[in-house]
Each structure stands twice: as C-alpha cells, then as structure tokens.
Amino acid sequence: MNSDRKKFSIVVPVLNEEESLLKLYDSIHSALETITEDYEIIFVDDGSTDKSYQIMNKIYATDQHVKLIKLRSHFGKTSALDAAFQHTKGDLIITMDADLQDDPNNIPDFLESLRSYEVVCGWRYKRQDSFTKKISSKIYNWLARKILNVNIHDMNCGFRGFRKEVIDELDVQGEMHRYLPALATWKGYTIGEIKVRHNPRIFGKSKYGFKRLWSGFIDMLTVKFLISYSTSPAHIFGLVGTILSTTGFILGLYLLVLKFIYNFRIGDRPLLLLSILLLIIGFQTISSGMMAEMTSRVYYNTKQTKPYIIKEVLEHKNKDDYVTE
C-alpha cells in the first residue's frame, strides 16, 4: 500500500445494499467532483450475501478514487469501519451509510466544520423513519446524553466527520461505532454537530430491530464504564464490594449482639444466611476488581488482535490500472 496522503476519505460500510450502491456512488461522485480530485472512496463489504460486492467491484474498476475492502464474513459495522480506518489515507475522514438515507451533498458541510472541530456529528433533525423508530431513537439519545454526558442530538447517526488523528487514537469493538463521539470526548477531542438531510429508505431492508437496540444499550453501559473506570476498574468493584461486605458485617454484628447480650437464638434466622452471603459476595466482588485491574494493565501493554478478518483489499496503484467508459 503506498503512503500518498489524500485530502479526505469517504468510508461506506456495506451489507446487502445492491439496489442502492450505483445511485449512492453517483451521488457521492457528483458531490465531490466540484470540490477536489484529492480524495478516496472506501467501500467495505461486511459479508454481503447479495450482489453488493460484484457491483462495488464494477465501480472500483472504473474509478481510480475508489478502494474496495472485503471482509471474510459479517463481522458488524464497527469491524467494517475499523477495517476501512486502517486503510484510509485522508487527513479528514467522513463515514456514511450505504442505504441512500445520508445525503452526500452534506459532505462539504462536514469538511468545513472540521476546520473548527476534531469530530463532527450529523444530526438527522427531520428524520425520515417510522414513528416507532423515531420515538425509540429519541429515548435512546436522551439516555445517551444523560449517561455519557455528551451533548449531541443524534448519537446513532452514521454520517460523521473525523480528523485522522482522532481515528488513530480510537479502538472500539462490538457495536460501539455508535459511541465514537463519546470515546473521542473522553480522549479530549472537540465535538461539533451539523444538521444533515435525511432521506426516506427506498431500497433494501432496515437493519434496525430490538436486538440491535438492546446491544446498543449494553454497549452504552460498557462505554460509560470505560470512560469512568477503564484505567482503575478496582475502584467501582471495590466500592460495590465494600458496600456489600459492610452491610453483611453490620448484619452479623447485630445478630451477635442479639445472641450474646439478649440470648436470642440466631442459628435458624434467614438474616444470618443473608449476612454470610453478603460477606462472601462482597469479598468476591473486591477480588474481581483486583483481577480486572491486573487485566487492564495487561490490556494497555499488549497489542490487541482485531476481531475481524480481511479477505482482500483492492486499491489502484496508478492511473493505468482502471478502465474508463
């Protein structure tokens, strides 16, 4: 892979979007051709089972600006984005979805806003989705703002802009692509927000569902833990363990007072079992915190294996290895 820098990179993860890809490419190309020739478009096939990859391959063959990455299986959007990030050459990186709901005509707005901010998030302020999806999204975003303390309207919008140095510092897994702004804020980067046009979905099928919503909520809690306790997990485990152990100790002390001062029988009292249980759980929780602390030390001193496998990367080395129509 050559190391020539580009002005910016457009990253598009793709999963079964065969009907929208050609129109998406045309829209991106039209939006960019008046800005600069110094850009790249990176399509990442995340294990599509339709003709998406074949269509992307044809696009790649006719445009020197296009790069194509194929994953060996469906590893998820976070993995697809990370695979693209590892191969970007742009100083500015813009991510967008492949379903045509993101409008490429907003790309210049992101580029302009990235002059002032290190991360720029899209806000689908007039969202073209079902009523149920819009309501659940409002609840989700309200929770995200409260839990993660990041004041943006649309945490789940995939239309975003990043400076390259931000991407180089972020390492995410699972479904945590949603929380790149929160992780960037944690690292101290500046966050901006712009209103973007949102189009109705006309092709394909939405990947949205209860399972995705639930996994997103769990990842939100994971991000909160990472932000608050990633370098010192023993703090939270130690706090919980101490509360449990102290409660068990106080209950045990109370029972001892009843037995030796008031001569009450305590052997058959459920409170005795609860006291012992709290002491044991408290001790185990503190021990888990110590193990987590040691694990975190190992994590920050070892190279992590990527949770995905790239099957192939197609990249033009010069202007002569693509065909023109």
C-alpha atoms as a PDB file:
ATOM      1  CA  MET A   1       0.000   0.000   0.000  1.00  0.00           C
ATOM      2  CA  ASN A   2       1.538   3.345  -0.990  1.00  0.00           C
ATOM      3  CA  SER A   3       1.637   6.150   1.543  1.00  0.00           C
ATOM      4  CA  ASP A   4       0.447   9.105  -0.559  1.00  0.00           C
ATOM      5  CA  ARG A   5      -1.809  11.267   1.565  1.00  0.00           C
ATOM      6  CA  LYS A   6      -5.259  12.355   0.432  1.00  0.00           C
ATOM      7  CA  LYS A   7      -7.229  15.421   1.445  1.00  0.00           C
ATOM      8  CA  PHE A   8     -10.122  13.305   2.709  1.00  0.00           C
ATOM      9  CA  SER A   9     -11.583   9.798   2.708  1.00  0.00           C
ATOM     10  CA  ILE A  10     -15.236   8.761   2.400  1.00  0.00           C
ATOM     11  CA  VAL A  11     -15.887   5.475   4.226  1.00  0.00           C
ATOM     12  CA  VAL A  12     -19.009   3.438   3.386  1.00  0.00           C
ATOM     13  CA  PRO A  13     -19.706   0.109   5.160  1.00  0.00           C
ATOM     14  CA  VAL A  14     -21.987  -2.101   3.060  1.00  0.00           C
ATOM     15  CA  LEU A  15     -24.238  -5.025   3.973  1.00  0.00           C
ATOM     16  CA  ASN A  16     -26.690  -6.226   1.313  1.00  0.00           C
ATOM     17  CA  GLU A  17     -27.340  -2.877  -0.387  1.00  0.00           C
ATOM     18  CA  GLU A  18     -27.160  -3.985  -4.036  1.00  0.00           C
ATOM     19  CA  GLU A  19     -30.025  -1.741  -5.175  1.00  0.00           C
ATOM     20  CA  SER A  20     -28.657   1.483  -3.721  1.00  0.00           C
ATOM     21  CA  LEU A  21     -24.917   1.269  -4.482  1.00  0.00           C
ATOM     22  CA  LEU A  22     -24.774   2.675  -8.015  1.00  0.00           C
ATOM     23  CA  LYS A  23     -27.027   5.588  -7.148  1.00  0.00           C
ATOM     24  CA  LEU A  24     -25.038   6.205  -3.963  1.00  0.00           C
ATOM     25  CA  TYR A  25     -21.759   6.228  -5.856  1.00  0.00           C
ATOM     26  CA  ASP A  26     -23.127   8.638  -8.463  1.00  0.00           C
ATOM     27  CA  SER A  27     -24.369  10.953  -5.715  1.00  0.00           C
ATOM     28  CA  ILE A  28     -21.017  10.901  -3.883  1.00  0.00           C
ATOM     29  CA  HIS A  29     -19.109  11.460  -7.124  1.00  0.00           C
ATOM     30  CA  SER A  30     -21.341  14.398  -8.073  1.00  0.00           C
ATOM     31  CA  ALA A  31     -20.917  15.970  -4.626  1.00  0.00           C
ATOM     32  CA  LEU A  32     -17.124  15.631  -4.721  1.00  0.00           C
ATOM     33  CA  GLU A  33     -16.196  16.463  -8.287  1.00  0.00           C
ATOM     34  CA  THR A  34     -16.661  20.200  -7.712  1.00  0.00           C
ATOM     35  CA  ILE A  35     -14.561  20.182  -4.507  1.00  0.00           C
ATOM     36  CA  THR A  36     -11.274  18.458  -5.285  1.00  0.00           C
ATOM     37  CA  GLU A  37      -9.708  15.498  -7.051  1.00  0.00           C
ATOM     38  CA  ASP A  38      -7.684  14.700  -3.939  1.00  0.00           C
ATOM     39  CA  TYR A  39      -9.990  12.174  -2.232  1.00  0.00           C
ATOM     40  CA  GLU A  40     -10.768   8.455  -1.941  1.00  0.00           C
ATOM     41  CA  ILE A  41     -13.999   6.496  -1.517  1.00  0.00           C
ATOM     42  CA  ILE A  42     -13.636   3.301   0.508  1.00  0.00           C
ATOM     43  CA  PHE A  43     -16.390   0.694   0.257  1.00  0.00           C
ATOM     44  CA  VAL A  44     -16.245  -2.118   2.846  1.00  0.00           C
ATOM     45  CA  ASP A  45     -18.220  -5.275   2.139  1.00  0.00           C
ATOM     46  CA  ASP A  46     -19.271  -6.647   5.535  1.00  0.00           C
ATOM     47  CA  GLY A  47     -20.162 -10.150   4.376  1.00  0.00           C
ATOM     48  CA  SER A  48     -22.957  -9.266   1.935  1.00  0.00           C
ATOM     49  CA  THR A  49     -24.905 -12.223   0.556  1.00  0.00           C
ATOM     50  CA  ASP A  50     -26.450 -10.393  -2.406  1.00  0.00           C
ATOM     51  CA  LYS A  51     -24.680  -8.810  -5.418  1.00  0.00           C
ATOM     52  CA  SER A  52     -23.299  -5.861  -3.472  1.00  0.00           C
ATOM     53  CA  TYR A  53     -19.667  -6.926  -3.816  1.00  0.00           C
ATOM     54  CA  GLN A  54     -19.932  -7.517  -7.570  1.00  0.00           C
ATOM     55  CA  ILE A  55     -21.444  -4.052  -8.021  1.00  0.00           C
ATOM     56  CA  MET A  56     -18.748  -2.433  -5.884  1.00  0.00           C
ATOM     57  CA  ASN A  57     -16.129  -4.282  -7.913  1.00  0.00           C
ATOM     58  CA  LYS A  58     -17.500  -2.785 -11.137  1.00  0.00           C
ATOM     59  CA  ILE A  59     -17.456   0.683  -9.555  1.00  0.00           C
ATOM     60  CA  TYR A  60     -13.859   0.122  -8.445  1.00  0.00           C
ATOM     61  CA  ALA A  61     -12.829  -0.901 -11.972  1.00  0.00           C
ATOM     62  CA  THR A  62     -13.973   2.424 -13.426  1.00  0.00           C
ATOM     63  CA  ASP A  63     -12.767   4.961 -10.847  1.00  0.00           C
ATOM     64  CA  GLN A  64      -9.230   5.469  -9.557  1.00  0.00           C
ATOM     65  CA  HIS A  65     -10.611   7.165  -6.414  1.00  0.00           C
ATOM     66  CA  VAL A  66     -12.381   4.000  -5.235  1.00  0.00           C
ATOM     67  CA  LYS A  67     -10.875   1.453  -2.852  1.00  0.00           C
ATOM     68  CA  LEU A  68     -12.626  -1.810  -2.001  1.00  0.00           C
ATOM     69  CA  ILE A  69     -12.237  -3.916   1.141  1.00  0.00           C
ATOM     70  CA  LYS A  70     -13.918  -7.295   1.536  1.00  0.00           C
ATOM     71  CA  LEU A  71     -14.302  -8.948   4.940  1.00  0.00           C
ATOM     72  CA  ARG A  72     -14.398 -12.745   5.088  1.00  0.00           C
ATOM     73  CA  SER A  73     -17.727 -12.787   6.906  1.00  0.00           C
ATOM     74  CA  HIS A  74     -20.288 -10.494   8.503  1.00  0.00           C
ATOM     75  CA  PHE A  75     -18.407  -9.046  11.481  1.00  0.00           C
ATOM     76  CA  GLY A  76     -20.580  -5.995  12.132  1.00  0.00           C
ATOM     77  CA  LYS A  77     -20.480  -2.301  11.340  1.00  0.00           C
ATOM     78  CA  THR A  78     -17.791  -1.483  13.901  1.00  0.00           C
ATOM     79  CA  SER A  79     -15.413  -4.001  12.350  1.00  0.00           C
ATOM     80  CA  ALA A  80     -16.202  -2.761   8.841  1.00  0.00           C
ATOM     81  CA  LEU A  81     -15.442   0.820   9.868  1.00  0.00           C
ATOM     82  CA  ASP A  82     -12.247  -0.172  11.661  1.00  0.00           C
ATOM     83  CA  ALA A  83     -11.043  -2.132   8.636  1.00  0.00           C
ATOM     84  CA  ALA A  84     -11.556   0.964   6.500  1.00  0.00           C
ATOM     85  CA  PHE A  85      -9.892   3.230   9.060  1.00  0.00           C
ATOM     86  CA  GLN A  86      -6.760   1.077   8.903  1.00  0.00           C
ATOM     87  CA  HIS A  87      -6.530   1.755   5.157  1.00  0.00           C
ATOM     88  CA  THR A  88      -7.538   5.420   4.925  1.00  0.00           C
ATOM     89  CA  LYS A  89      -5.094   7.953   3.540  1.00  0.00           C
ATOM     90  CA  GLY A  90      -7.200  11.039   4.089  1.00  0.00           C
ATOM     91  CA  ASP A  91      -6.348  13.705   6.635  1.00  0.00           C
ATOM     92  CA  LEU A  92     -10.116  14.042   7.125  1.00  0.00           C
ATOM     93  CA  ILE A  93     -12.432  11.013   7.252  1.00  0.00           C
ATOM     94  CA  ILE A  94     -16.184  11.021   6.654  1.00  0.00           C
ATOM     95  CA  THR A  95     -18.344   7.968   7.360  1.00  0.00           C
ATOM     96  CA  MET A  96     -21.792   7.435   5.890  1.00  0.00           C
ATOM     97  CA  ASP A  97     -24.303   4.621   5.402  1.00  0.00           C
ATOM     98  CA  ALA A  98     -24.975   2.901   2.080  1.00  0.00           C
ATOM     99  CA  ASP A  99     -28.785   2.972   2.173  1.00  0.00           C
ATOM    100  CA  LEU A 100     -29.140   6.411   0.494  1.00  0.00           C
ATOM    101  CA  GLN A 101     -30.666   7.958   3.618  1.00  0.00           C
ATOM    102  CA  ASP A 102     -27.493  10.046   4.137  1.00  0.00           C
ATOM    103  CA  ASP A 103     -27.200  12.850   1.584  1.00  0.00           C
ATOM    104  CA  PRO A 104     -23.698  13.177   0.039  1.00  0.00           C
ATOM    105  CA  ASN A 105     -24.425  16.868  -0.626  1.00  0.00           C
ATOM    106  CA  ASN A 106     -23.739  17.414   3.089  1.00  0.00           C
ATOM    107  CA  ILE A 107     -20.116  16.293   2.682  1.00  0.00           C
ATOM    108  CA  PRO A 108     -18.848  19.870   2.051  1.00  0.00           C
ATOM    109  CA  ASP A 109     -20.573  20.926   5.302  1.00  0.00           C
ATOM    110  CA  PHE A 110     -18.605  18.302   7.229  1.00  0.00           C
ATOM    111  CA  LEU A 111     -15.335  19.374   5.607  1.00  0.00           C
ATOM    112  CA  GLU A 112     -15.997  22.993   6.538  1.00  0.00           C
ATOM    113  CA  SER A 113     -16.972  22.147  10.125  1.00  0.00           C
ATOM    114  CA  LEU A 114     -13.845  20.004  10.566  1.00  0.00           C
ATOM    115  CA  ARG A 115     -11.846  23.219  10.291  1.00  0.00           C
ATOM    116  CA  SER A 116     -13.171  24.107  13.761  1.00  0.00           C
ATOM    117  CA  TYR A 117     -13.787  20.711  15.376  1.00  0.00           C
ATOM    118  CA  GLU A 118     -11.903  17.431  15.529  1.00  0.00           C
ATOM    119  CA  VAL A 119     -15.113  15.350  15.357  1.00  0.00           C
ATOM    120  CA  VAL A 120     -18.349  16.433  13.654  1.00  0.00           C
ATOM    121  CA  CYS A 121     -21.611  14.506  14.136  1.00  0.00           C
ATOM    122  CA  GLY A 122     -24.592  14.572  11.811  1.00  0.00           C
ATOM    123  CA  TRP A 123     -27.988  15.391  13.288  1.00  0.00           C
ATOM    124  CA  ARG A 124     -30.977  13.989  11.397  1.00  0.00           C
ATOM    125  CA  TYR A 125     -33.235  16.746  12.693  1.00  0.00           C
ATOM    126  CA  LYS A 126     -36.011  15.874  10.221  1.00  0.00           C
ATOM    127  CA  ARG A 127     -35.700  12.110  10.352  1.00  0.00           C
ATOM    128  CA  GLN A 128     -37.493  10.176   7.603  1.00  0.00           C
ATOM    129  CA  ASP A 129     -38.302   6.985   9.523  1.00  0.00           C
ATOM    130  CA  SER A 130     -41.288   5.270  11.073  1.00  0.00           C
ATOM    131  CA  PHE A 131     -42.948   6.772  14.157  1.00  0.00           C
ATOM    132  CA  THR A 132     -41.783   3.851  16.317  1.00  0.00           C
ATOM    133  CA  LYS A 133     -38.205   4.220  15.176  1.00  0.00           C
ATOM    134  CA  LYS A 134     -38.220   7.974  15.792  1.00  0.00           C
ATOM    135  CA  ILE A 135     -39.647   7.611  19.309  1.00  0.00           C
ATOM    136  CA  SER A 136     -37.216   4.852  20.318  1.00  0.00           C
ATOM    137  CA  SER A 137     -34.378   6.950  18.898  1.00  0.00           C
ATOM    138  CA  LYS A 138     -35.406   9.992  20.973  1.00  0.00           C
ATOM    139  CA  ILE A 139     -35.446   7.870  24.146  1.00  0.00           C
ATOM    140  CA  TYR A 140     -32.125   6.284  23.249  1.00  0.00           C
ATOM    141  CA  ASN A 141     -30.442   9.621  22.537  1.00  0.00           C
ATOM    142  CA  TRP A 142     -31.827  11.135  25.751  1.00  0.00           C
ATOM    143  CA  LEU A 143     -30.336   8.221  27.734  1.00  0.00           C
ATOM    144  CA  ALA A 144     -27.026   8.564  25.877  1.00  0.00           C
ATOM    145  CA  ARG A 145     -26.787  12.262  26.729  1.00  0.00           C
ATOM    146  CA  LYS A 146     -27.556  11.627  30.389  1.00  0.00           C
ATOM    147  CA  ILE A 147     -25.341   8.568  30.862  1.00  0.00           C
ATOM    148  CA  LEU A 148     -22.378   9.581  28.686  1.00  0.00           C
ATOM    149  CA  ASN A 149     -22.585  13.345  29.244  1.00  0.00           C
ATOM    150  CA  VAL A 150     -22.074  14.119  25.555  1.00  0.00           C
ATOM    151  CA  ASN A 151     -24.368  16.896  24.406  1.00  0.00           C
ATOM    152  CA  ILE A 152     -25.228  15.877  20.830  1.00  0.00           C
ATOM    153  CA  HIS A 153     -28.705  15.213  19.473  1.00  0.00           C
ATOM    154  CA  ASP A 154     -28.106  12.091  17.384  1.00  0.00           C
ATOM    155  CA  MET A 155     -25.617   9.601  18.843  1.00  0.00           C
ATOM    156  CA  ASN A 156     -26.642   6.878  16.392  1.00  0.00           C
ATOM    157  CA  CYS A 157     -26.205   8.844  13.159  1.00  0.00           C
ATOM    158  CA  GLY A 158     -23.574   7.150  10.986  1.00  0.00           C
ATOM    159  CA  PHE A 159     -22.914  10.338   8.987  1.00  0.00           C
ATOM    160  CA  ARG A 160     -19.856  11.805  10.746  1.00  0.00           C
ATOM    161  CA  GLY A 161     -16.551  13.506  10.153  1.00  0.00           C
ATOM    162  CA  PHE A 162     -13.227  12.911  11.906  1.00  0.00           C
ATOM    163  CA  ARG A 163      -9.723  14.219  11.720  1.00  0.00           C
ATOM    164  CA  LYS A 164      -7.272  11.401  11.081  1.00  0.00           C
ATOM    165  CA  GLU A 165      -5.507  11.777  14.443  1.00  0.00           C
ATOM    166  CA  VAL A 166      -8.800  11.082  16.248  1.00  0.00           C
ATOM    167  CA  ILE A 167      -9.351   7.823  14.367  1.00  0.00           C
ATOM    168  CA  ASP A 168      -5.779   6.740  15.126  1.00  0.00           C
ATOM    169  CA  GLU A 169      -6.491   7.040  18.861  1.00  0.00           C
ATOM    170  CA  LEU A 170      -9.836   5.196  18.988  1.00  0.00           C
ATOM    171  CA  ASP A 171     -10.090   1.423  19.414  1.00  0.00           C
ATOM    172  CA  VAL A 172     -13.626   0.034  19.535  1.00  0.00           C
ATOM    173  CA  GLN A 173     -15.303  -3.364  19.422  1.00  0.00           C
ATOM    174  CA  GLY A 174     -18.809  -4.798  19.486  1.00  0.00           C
ATOM    175  CA  GLU A 175     -21.395  -2.218  18.393  1.00  0.00           C
ATOM    176  CA  MET A 176     -19.509   0.750  19.802  1.00  0.00           C
ATOM    177  CA  HIS A 177     -19.290   2.591  16.480  1.00  0.00           C
ATOM    178  CA  ARG A 178     -22.315   4.462  17.838  1.00  0.00           C
ATOM    179  CA  TYR A 179     -20.229   5.883  20.650  1.00  0.00           C
ATOM    180  CA  LEU A 180     -17.196   7.151  18.762  1.00  0.00           C
ATOM    181  CA  PRO A 181     -18.170  10.747  19.710  1.00  0.00           C
ATOM    182  CA  ALA A 182     -18.326   9.797  23.409  1.00  0.00           C
ATOM    183  CA  LEU A 183     -14.980   7.996  23.224  1.00  0.00           C
ATOM    184  CA  ALA A 184     -13.450  10.948  21.373  1.00  0.00           C
ATOM    185  CA  THR A 185     -14.754  13.344  24.044  1.00  0.00           C
ATOM    186  CA  TRP A 186     -13.207  11.130  26.707  1.00  0.00           C
ATOM    187  CA  LYS A 187      -9.879  11.439  24.890  1.00  0.00           C
ATOM    188  CA  GLY A 188     -10.209  15.232  24.967  1.00  0.00           C
ATOM    189  CA  TYR A 189     -11.123  15.936  21.340  1.00  0.00           C
ATOM    190  CA  THR A 190     -13.547  18.715  20.400  1.00  0.00           C
ATOM    191  CA  ILE A 191     -17.006  17.692  19.148  1.00  0.00           C
ATOM    192  CA  GLY A 192     -19.245  19.643  16.787  1.00  0.00           C
ATOM    193  CA  GLU A 193     -22.647  18.947  15.264  1.00  0.00           C
ATOM    194  CA  ILE A 194     -24.336  19.880  11.990  1.00  0.00           C
ATOM    195  CA  LYS A 195     -27.845  19.335  10.709  1.00  0.00           C
ATOM    196  CA  VAL A 196     -27.954  16.858   7.808  1.00  0.00           C
ATOM    197  CA  ARG A 197     -30.660  15.959   5.354  1.00  0.00           C
ATOM    198  CA  HIS A 198     -32.190  12.528   5.908  1.00  0.00           C
ATOM    199  CA  ASN A 199     -33.923  10.720   3.069  1.00  0.00           C
ATOM    200  CA  PRO A 200     -36.589   8.006   3.252  1.00  0.00           C
ATOM    201  CA  ARG A 201     -35.294   4.490   2.671  1.00  0.00           C
ATOM    202  CA  ILE A 202     -36.304   3.401  -0.835  1.00  0.00           C
ATOM    203  CA  PHE A 203     -34.236   0.228  -1.282  1.00  0.00           C
ATOM    204  CA  GLY A 204     -33.333  -2.758   0.859  1.00  0.00           C
ATOM    205  CA  LYS A 205     -34.377  -3.544   4.394  1.00  0.00           C
ATOM    206  CA  SER A 206     -33.537  -1.719   7.592  1.00  0.00           C
ATOM    207  CA  LYS A 207     -31.090  -3.492   9.937  1.00  0.00           C
ATOM    208  CA  TYR A 208     -32.829  -1.840  12.897  1.00  0.00           C
ATOM    209  CA  GLY A 209     -34.538  -4.083  15.466  1.00  0.00           C
ATOM    210  CA  PHE A 210     -34.919  -4.877  19.159  1.00  0.00           C
ATOM    211  CA  LYS A 211     -31.729  -6.951  19.238  1.00  0.00           C
ATOM    212  CA  ARG A 212     -29.738  -4.050  17.804  1.00  0.00           C
ATOM    213  CA  LEU A 213     -31.365  -1.608  20.244  1.00  0.00           C
ATOM    214  CA  TRP A 214     -30.575  -3.862  23.190  1.00  0.00           C
ATOM    215  CA  SER A 215     -26.964  -4.457  22.143  1.00  0.00           C
ATOM    216  CA  GLY A 216     -26.587  -0.699  21.698  1.00  0.00           C
ATOM    217  CA  PHE A 217     -27.813  -0.074  25.237  1.00  0.00           C
ATOM    218  CA  ILE A 218     -25.409  -2.654  26.676  1.00  0.00           C
ATOM    219  CA  ASP A 219     -22.554  -1.060  24.743  1.00  0.00           C
ATOM    220  CA  MET A 220     -23.628   2.324  26.125  1.00  0.00           C
ATOM    221  CA  LEU A 221     -23.105   0.995  29.642  1.00  0.00           C
ATOM    222  CA  THR A 222     -19.783  -0.503  28.551  1.00  0.00           C
ATOM    223  CA  VAL A 223     -18.642   2.871  27.209  1.00  0.00           C
ATOM    224  CA  LYS A 224     -19.718   4.536  30.459  1.00  0.00           C
ATOM    225  CA  PHE A 225     -17.626   2.012  32.378  1.00  0.00           C
ATOM    226  CA  LEU A 226     -14.666   2.541  30.045  1.00  0.00           C
ATOM    227  CA  ILE A 227     -14.869   6.306  30.377  1.00  0.00           C
ATOM    228  CA  SER A 228     -15.199   6.253  34.155  1.00  0.00           C
ATOM    229  CA  TYR A 229     -13.197   3.227  35.260  1.00  0.00           C
ATOM    230  CA  SER A 230     -11.170   1.737  32.379  1.00  0.00           C
ATOM    231  CA  THR A 231      -7.814   2.542  33.937  1.00  0.00           C
ATOM    232  CA  SER A 232      -8.934   1.787  37.520  1.00  0.00           C
ATOM    233  CA  PRO A 233     -11.698  -0.879  37.447  1.00  0.00           C
ATOM    234  CA  ALA A 234     -10.901  -1.807  41.061  1.00  0.00           C
ATOM    235  CA  HIS A 235     -12.477   1.486  42.110  1.00  0.00           C
ATOM    236  CA  ILE A 236     -16.012   0.535  41.054  1.00  0.00           C
ATOM    237  CA  PHE A 237     -15.657  -3.134  42.030  1.00  0.00           C
ATOM    238  CA  GLY A 238     -14.071  -2.122  45.307  1.00  0.00           C
ATOM    239  CA  LEU A 239     -16.881   0.319  46.074  1.00  0.00           C
ATOM    240  CA  VAL A 240     -19.622  -2.246  45.413  1.00  0.00           C
ATOM    241  CA  GLY A 241     -17.729  -4.985  47.255  1.00  0.00           C
ATOM    242  CA  THR A 242     -17.129  -2.738  50.254  1.00  0.00           C
ATOM    243  CA  ILE A 243     -20.827  -1.782  50.461  1.00  0.00           C
ATOM    244  CA  LEU A 244     -21.886  -5.433  50.318  1.00  0.00           C
ATOM    245  CA  SER A 245     -19.256  -6.582  52.821  1.00  0.00           C
ATOM    246  CA  THR A 246     -20.002  -3.731  55.208  1.00  0.00           C
ATOM    247  CA  THR A 247     -23.717  -4.466  55.075  1.00  0.00           C
ATOM    248  CA  GLY A 248     -23.040  -8.153  55.772  1.00  0.00           C
ATOM    249  CA  PHE A 249     -20.698  -7.239  58.638  1.00  0.00           C
ATOM    250  CA  ILE A 250     -23.268  -4.911  60.247  1.00  0.00           C
ATOM    251  CA  LEU A 251     -25.979  -7.574  59.994  1.00  0.00           C
ATOM    252  CA  GLY A 252     -23.612 -10.140  61.518  1.00  0.00           C
ATOM    253  CA  LEU A 253     -22.705  -7.747  64.329  1.00  0.00           C
ATOM    254  CA  TYR A 254     -26.387  -7.141  65.003  1.00  0.00           C
ATOM    255  CA  LEU A 255     -27.010 -10.889  65.260  1.00  0.00           C
ATOM    256  CA  LEU A 256     -24.052 -11.319  67.622  1.00  0.00           C
ATOM    257  CA  VAL A 257     -25.499  -8.624  69.890  1.00  0.00           C
ATOM    258  CA  LEU A 258     -28.827 -10.462  69.911  1.00  0.00           C
ATOM    259  CA  LYS A 259     -27.143 -13.750  70.776  1.00  0.00           C
ATOM    260  CA  PHE A 260     -24.642 -12.725  73.462  1.00  0.00           C
ATOM    261  CA  ILE A 261     -26.445  -9.814  75.083  1.00  0.00           C
ATOM    262  CA  TYR A 262     -30.111 -10.713  74.698  1.00  0.00           C
ATOM    263  CA  ASN A 263     -29.603 -14.508  74.478  1.00  0.00           C
ATOM    264  CA  PHE A 264     -31.642 -14.882  71.268  1.00  0.00           C
ATOM    265  CA  ARG A 265     -31.249 -17.891  69.010  1.00  0.00           C
ATOM    266  CA  ILE A 266     -29.822 -16.841  65.639  1.00  0.00           C
ATOM    267  CA  GLY A 267     -28.902 -20.175  64.049  1.00  0.00           C
ATOM    268  CA  ASP A 268     -32.227 -20.549  62.222  1.00  0.00           C
ATOM    269  CA  ARG A 269     -32.626 -16.892  61.239  1.00  0.00           C
ATOM    270  CA  PRO A 270     -32.620 -16.050  57.470  1.00  0.00           C
ATOM    271  CA  LEU A 271     -30.794 -12.866  58.427  1.00  0.00           C
ATOM    272  CA  LEU A 272     -27.741 -14.942  59.352  1.00  0.00           C
ATOM    273  CA  LEU A 273     -27.626 -16.528  55.898  1.00  0.00           C
ATOM    274  CA  LEU A 274     -28.026 -13.090  54.296  1.00  0.00           C
ATOM    275  CA  SER A 275     -25.146 -11.713  56.367  1.00  0.00           C
ATOM    276  CA  ILE A 276     -22.827 -14.564  55.359  1.00  0.00           C
ATOM    277  CA  LEU A 277     -23.914 -14.288  51.704  1.00  0.00           C
ATOM    278  CA  LEU A 278     -23.214 -10.541  51.594  1.00  0.00           C
ATOM    279  CA  LEU A 279     -19.784 -11.040  53.151  1.00  0.00           C
ATOM    280  CA  ILE A 280     -18.879 -13.711  50.589  1.00  0.00           C
ATOM    281  CA  ILE A 281     -20.230 -11.758  47.591  1.00  0.00           C
ATOM    282  CA  GLY A 282     -18.519  -8.597  48.812  1.00  0.00           C
ATOM    283  CA  PHE A 283     -15.189 -10.381  49.091  1.00  0.00           C
ATOM    284  CA  GLN A 284     -15.614 -11.924  45.635  1.00  0.00           C
ATOM    285  CA  THR A 285     -16.517  -8.547  44.111  1.00  0.00           C
ATOM    286  CA  ILE A 286     -13.406  -6.911  45.571  1.00  0.00           C
ATOM    287  CA  SER A 287     -11.321  -9.829  44.284  1.00  0.00           C
ATOM    288  CA  SER A 288     -12.880  -9.446  40.820  1.00  0.00           C
ATOM    289  CA  GLY A 289     -11.935  -5.773  40.897  1.00  0.00           C
ATOM    290  CA  MET A 290      -8.330  -6.678  41.614  1.00  0.00           C
ATOM    291  CA  MET A 291      -8.338  -9.166  38.718  1.00  0.00           C
ATOM    292  CA  ALA A 292      -9.897  -6.555  36.411  1.00  0.00           C
ATOM    293  CA  GLU A 293      -7.211  -4.084  37.478  1.00  0.00           C
ATOM    294  CA  MET A 294      -4.460  -6.520  36.540  1.00  0.00           C
ATOM    295  CA  THR A 295      -6.208  -7.372  33.260  1.00  0.00           C
ATOM    296  CA  SER A 296      -6.452  -3.686  32.350  1.00  0.00           C
ATOM    297  CA  ARG A 297      -2.718  -3.311  32.950  1.00  0.00           C
ATOM    298  CA  VAL A 298      -2.066  -6.194  30.556  1.00  0.00           C
ATOM    299  CA  TYR A 299      -4.509  -4.724  28.000  1.00  0.00           C
ATOM    300  CA  TYR A 300      -2.727  -1.404  27.842  1.00  0.00           C
ATOM    301  CA  ASN A 301       0.644  -3.101  27.357  1.00  0.00           C
ATOM    302  CA  THR A 302      -0.160  -5.676  24.687  1.00  0.00           C
ATOM    303  CA  LYS A 303      -1.171  -5.493  21.041  1.00  0.00           C
ATOM    304  CA  GLN A 304      -4.803  -6.493  20.573  1.00  0.00           C
ATOM    305  CA  THR A 305      -5.906  -8.900  17.822  1.00  0.00           C
ATOM    306  CA  LYS A 306      -8.561  -7.486  15.512  1.00  0.00           C
ATOM    307  CA  PRO A 307     -11.979  -9.196  15.812  1.00  0.00           C
ATOM    308  CA  TYR A 308     -12.359  -9.481  12.020  1.00  0.00           C
ATOM    309  CA  ILE A 309     -10.513 -10.907   9.003  1.00  0.00           C
ATOM    310  CA  ILE A 310      -9.961  -9.019   5.753  1.00  0.00           C
ATOM    311  CA  LYS A 311     -10.235 -11.243   2.700  1.00  0.00           C
ATOM    312  CA  GLU A 312      -8.902  -8.753   0.166  1.00  0.00           C
ATOM    313  CA  VAL A 313      -8.140  -5.090  -0.422  1.00  0.00           C
ATOM    314  CA  LEU A 314      -8.427  -3.632  -3.931  1.00  0.00           C
ATOM    315  CA  GLU A 315      -6.558  -0.371  -4.406  1.00  0.00           C
ATOM    316  CA  HIS A 316      -5.389   1.429  -7.535  1.00  0.00           C
ATOM    317  CA  LYS A 317      -1.631   1.888  -7.580  1.00  0.00           C
ATOM    318  CA  ASN A 318      -1.645   4.238 -10.569  1.00  0.00           C
ATOM    319  CA  LYS A 319      -3.972   5.769 -13.117  1.00  0.00           C
ATOM    320  CA  ASP A 320      -3.426   2.985 -15.645  1.00  0.00           C
ATOM    321  CA  ASP A 321      -4.984   0.103 -13.699  1.00  0.00           C
ATOM    322  CA  TYR A 322      -8.614   1.095 -14.101  1.00  0.00           C
ATOM    323  CA  VAL A 323     -10.786   1.258 -17.185  1.00  0.00           C
ATOM    324  CA  THR A 324     -12.734   4.261 -18.418  1.00  0.00           C
ATOM    325  CA  GLU A 325     -16.023   4.112 -20.165  1.00  0.00           C
END
